[in-house]
N, C-alpha and C. Protein backbone atom coordinates (compact mmCIF):
# COMPACT_ATOMS: atom_id res chain seq x y z
N UNK A 1 103.02 66.92 157.44
CA UNK A 1 102.49 67.74 157.49
C UNK A 1 101.19 67.81 158.26
N UNK A 2 101.29 68.97 158.83
CA UNK A 2 99.81 69.19 159.81
C UNK A 2 98.67 69.68 158.84
N UNK A 3 97.47 68.97 159.50
CA UNK A 3 96.19 69.41 158.57
C UNK A 3 95.40 70.41 159.57
N UNK A 4 95.00 71.44 158.86
CA UNK A 4 94.07 72.62 159.55
C UNK A 4 92.54 72.25 159.52
N UNK A 5 92.20 72.52 160.53
CA UNK A 5 90.20 72.09 159.91
C UNK A 5 89.77 73.37 160.84
N UNK A 6 88.77 74.35 160.11
CA UNK A 6 88.08 75.41 160.68
C UNK A 6 86.56 74.95 160.58
N UNK A 7 85.92 74.94 161.66
CA UNK A 7 84.36 74.50 161.57
C UNK A 7 83.74 76.11 162.42
N UNK A 8 83.15 76.87 161.65
CA UNK A 8 82.50 78.39 162.10
C UNK A 8 81.07 78.38 161.02
N UNK A 9 80.16 78.58 161.80
CA UNK A 9 78.75 78.44 160.60
C UNK A 9 78.61 79.89 160.76
N UNK A 10 79.50 81.13 161.19
CA UNK A 10 79.08 82.26 160.26
C UNK A 10 79.92 82.64 158.97
N UNK A 11 79.67 82.57 158.03
CA UNK A 11 80.17 82.34 156.73
C UNK A 11 81.33 83.73 156.94
N UNK A 12 81.43 84.84 157.08
CA UNK A 12 81.92 86.11 156.94
C UNK A 12 83.18 86.11 158.11
N UNK A 13 82.89 85.30 159.29
CA UNK A 13 84.36 85.09 160.30
C UNK A 13 84.72 83.94 159.66
N UNK A 14 84.47 82.88 159.33
CA UNK A 14 84.87 82.00 158.94
C UNK A 14 86.00 82.25 157.37
N UNK A 15 85.42 82.99 157.20
CA UNK A 15 86.57 83.50 155.94
C UNK A 15 87.26 84.23 156.57
N UNK A 16 87.67 85.24 157.37
CA UNK A 16 88.06 85.74 158.20
C UNK A 16 89.50 84.93 159.08
N UNK A 17 89.08 83.87 159.47
CA UNK A 17 89.65 83.19 160.33
C UNK A 17 90.49 82.55 159.38
N UNK A 18 89.79 81.92 157.89
CA UNK A 18 90.76 81.22 157.18
C UNK A 18 91.89 81.58 156.21
N UNK A 19 91.67 83.30 155.92
CA UNK A 19 92.81 84.66 155.76
C UNK A 19 93.49 84.74 156.53
N UNK A 20 93.70 84.46 157.82
CA UNK A 20 94.44 84.80 158.66
C UNK A 20 95.21 83.49 159.30
N UNK A 21 94.71 82.36 158.97
CA UNK A 21 95.44 81.02 158.94
C UNK A 21 96.36 80.60 157.67
N UNK A 22 95.91 81.11 156.79
CA UNK A 22 96.23 81.17 155.29
C UNK A 22 98.02 81.91 155.05
N UNK A 23 97.51 83.07 155.68
CA UNK A 23 98.43 84.21 155.63
C UNK A 23 99.73 83.96 157.07
N UNK A 24 99.32 83.18 158.02
CA UNK A 24 100.23 82.82 159.23
C UNK A 24 101.59 81.62 158.69
N UNK A 25 100.64 80.86 157.89
CA UNK A 25 101.22 79.85 157.37
C UNK A 25 102.22 79.86 156.09
N UNK A 26 101.82 81.04 155.21
CA UNK A 26 102.81 81.40 154.05
C UNK A 26 103.87 82.24 154.69
N UNK A 27 103.58 83.11 155.77
CA UNK A 27 104.56 84.10 156.07
C UNK A 27 105.65 83.41 157.10
N UNK A 28 105.00 82.36 157.59
CA UNK A 28 105.95 81.64 158.55
C UNK A 28 106.76 80.17 158.03
N UNK A 29 106.13 80.02 156.42
CA UNK A 29 106.98 79.03 156.22
C UNK A 29 106.34 77.80 157.03
N UNK A 30 105.16 77.57 157.47
CA UNK A 30 105.02 76.15 158.07
C UNK A 30 104.50 74.81 157.24
N UNK A 31 104.94 74.03 157.88
CA UNK A 31 104.48 72.61 157.17
C UNK A 31 102.86 72.10 157.45
N UNK A 32 102.10 73.20 157.22
CA UNK A 32 100.76 72.71 157.31
C UNK A 32 99.96 73.48 156.44
N UNK A 33 98.67 72.54 156.32
CA UNK A 33 98.03 73.08 155.65
C UNK A 33 96.53 72.96 155.54
N UNK A 34 95.73 73.91 154.78
CA UNK A 34 94.35 73.64 155.44
C UNK A 34 93.45 72.60 154.73
N UNK A 35 92.90 71.74 155.21
CA UNK A 35 92.08 70.95 154.57
C UNK A 35 90.63 71.00 154.25
N UNK A 36 89.90 71.89 155.48
CA UNK A 36 88.69 72.09 155.05
C UNK A 36 88.34 73.12 155.95
N UNK A 37 87.30 74.14 155.49
CA UNK A 37 86.64 75.01 155.97
C UNK A 37 85.17 74.73 156.09
N UNK A 38 84.47 74.75 156.87
CA UNK A 38 83.18 74.37 156.98
C UNK A 38 82.29 75.17 157.92
N UNK A 39 80.88 74.98 157.62
CA UNK A 39 80.18 75.48 158.53
C UNK A 39 79.20 74.24 159.32
N UNK A 40 79.73 73.08 158.74
CA UNK A 40 78.56 71.82 159.27
C UNK A 40 79.43 70.89 159.73
N UNK A 41 79.53 71.08 161.12
CA UNK A 41 80.38 69.85 161.87
C UNK A 41 80.32 68.44 161.60
N UNK A 42 79.35 68.02 161.09
CA UNK A 42 78.98 66.80 160.57
C UNK A 42 80.04 66.40 159.23
N UNK A 43 79.97 67.52 158.42
CA UNK A 43 81.23 67.26 157.29
C UNK A 43 82.96 67.25 157.49
N UNK A 44 82.96 68.15 159.00
CA UNK A 44 84.10 68.41 159.58
C UNK A 44 84.62 66.48 159.99
N UNK A 45 83.12 65.92 160.76
CA UNK A 45 83.81 64.52 161.07
C UNK A 45 83.74 63.73 160.01
N UNK A 46 83.03 63.91 159.25
CA UNK A 46 83.56 63.10 158.04
C UNK A 46 84.78 62.66 157.44
N UNK A 47 85.34 64.12 157.49
CA UNK A 47 86.71 64.07 156.79
C UNK A 47 87.93 63.90 158.05
N UNK A 48 87.46 63.74 159.31
CA UNK A 48 88.09 63.97 160.24
C UNK A 48 88.61 61.71 160.29
N UNK A 49 87.42 61.38 159.88
CA UNK A 49 87.22 59.85 160.22
C UNK A 49 88.14 59.46 158.85
N UNK A 50 88.04 60.11 157.86
CA UNK A 50 88.76 59.33 156.46
C UNK A 50 90.33 59.99 156.85
N UNK A 51 91.24 61.01 157.92
CA UNK A 51 91.83 61.55 157.75
C UNK A 51 93.02 60.40 158.17
N UNK A 52 94.55 60.93 157.75
CA UNK A 52 95.52 59.70 158.28
C UNK A 52 96.22 60.87 159.34
N UNK A 53 96.53 62.54 159.05
CA UNK A 53 97.08 62.64 159.70
C UNK A 53 96.73 63.49 160.86
N UNK A 54 97.31 64.23 161.90
CA UNK A 54 97.06 64.94 162.96
C UNK A 54 96.52 66.47 162.51
N UNK A 55 95.66 66.80 163.11
CA UNK A 55 95.22 68.14 162.73
C UNK A 55 94.88 69.14 163.85
N UNK A 56 95.01 70.22 163.43
CA UNK A 56 94.84 71.63 164.55
C UNK A 56 93.02 71.79 164.13
N UNK A 57 92.53 72.15 165.09
CA UNK A 57 91.06 72.56 164.77
C UNK A 57 90.71 73.85 165.18
N UNK A 58 89.79 74.41 164.75
CA UNK A 58 89.28 75.73 164.87
C UNK A 58 88.00 75.59 165.34
N UNK A 59 87.57 75.80 166.28
CA UNK A 59 86.08 75.26 166.53
C UNK A 59 84.98 76.32 167.08
N UNK A 60 84.05 77.03 166.27
CA UNK A 60 83.03 77.59 166.80
C UNK A 60 82.57 76.82 168.00
N UNK A 61 82.06 77.40 169.03
CA UNK A 61 81.53 76.86 170.27
C UNK A 61 79.88 76.59 169.95
N UNK A 62 79.16 77.91 169.20
CA UNK A 62 78.02 77.85 169.17
C UNK A 62 77.66 77.33 167.34
N UNK A 63 77.57 76.46 166.88
CA UNK A 63 77.15 76.07 165.48
C UNK A 63 75.76 76.08 165.16
N UNK A 64 74.78 76.49 165.43
CA UNK A 64 73.74 76.64 165.07
C UNK A 64 73.45 75.56 164.60
N UNK A 65 73.84 74.08 165.26
CA UNK A 65 73.38 72.50 164.74
C UNK A 65 73.05 72.20 166.02
N UNK A 66 72.78 70.82 165.89
CA UNK A 66 72.47 69.91 166.96
C UNK A 66 73.93 69.49 167.36
N UNK A 67 74.72 69.89 167.33
CA UNK A 67 76.11 69.59 167.90
C UNK A 67 76.71 70.48 167.94
N UNK A 68 77.15 71.50 169.69
CA UNK A 68 78.12 72.28 169.27
C UNK A 68 79.27 71.99 169.25
N UNK A 69 80.63 73.40 169.45
CA UNK A 69 81.64 72.83 169.11
C UNK A 69 82.55 71.99 170.29
N UNK A 70 81.90 72.11 171.62
CA UNK A 70 82.49 71.30 172.69
C UNK A 70 82.36 69.81 172.31
N UNK A 71 81.25 69.54 172.07
CA UNK A 71 80.52 68.18 171.74
C UNK A 71 81.27 67.68 170.37
N UNK A 72 81.58 68.66 169.39
CA UNK A 72 81.92 68.29 168.33
C UNK A 72 83.87 68.05 168.82
N UNK A 73 84.14 68.86 169.51
CA UNK A 73 85.73 68.55 170.16
C UNK A 73 85.67 67.29 170.59
N UNK A 74 84.74 66.60 171.67
CA UNK A 74 84.63 65.16 171.88
C UNK A 74 85.02 64.18 171.24
N UNK A 75 83.84 64.43 169.46
CA UNK A 75 84.02 63.21 168.72
C UNK A 75 85.31 63.30 167.95
N UNK A 76 85.96 64.36 167.56
CA UNK A 76 87.10 64.72 166.61
C UNK A 76 88.15 63.90 168.26
N UNK A 77 88.46 63.84 169.06
CA UNK A 77 89.19 63.01 169.82
C UNK A 77 88.87 61.94 169.56
N UNK A 78 87.95 61.30 169.25
CA UNK A 78 87.74 59.74 169.11
C UNK A 78 88.56 59.37 168.05
N UNK A 79 88.97 60.22 167.28
CA UNK A 79 89.75 59.76 165.99
C UNK A 79 91.09 60.25 165.76
N UNK A 80 91.18 61.64 166.32
CA UNK A 80 92.27 62.31 166.38
C UNK A 80 92.72 62.76 167.89
N UNK A 81 93.40 61.87 168.47
CA UNK A 81 93.75 62.15 170.16
C UNK A 81 94.76 63.22 170.06
């Protein structure tokens, strides 16, 4: 099973992305599951560190945090190449 992660700081946009992903997974009967949707890049990193499976990541570039989406992607690659 492939894990899906969403990191978007704007709540409404995050809800829309999550809805689209969940609908696509259901309609296409994909072997995937949404594991985490958050606006906090550090919460996503904590989850990735403890995860065992490969993931698909939907990352916002401007996260209004000390870490932007590009830096977050670099950190994720350390745990999920």
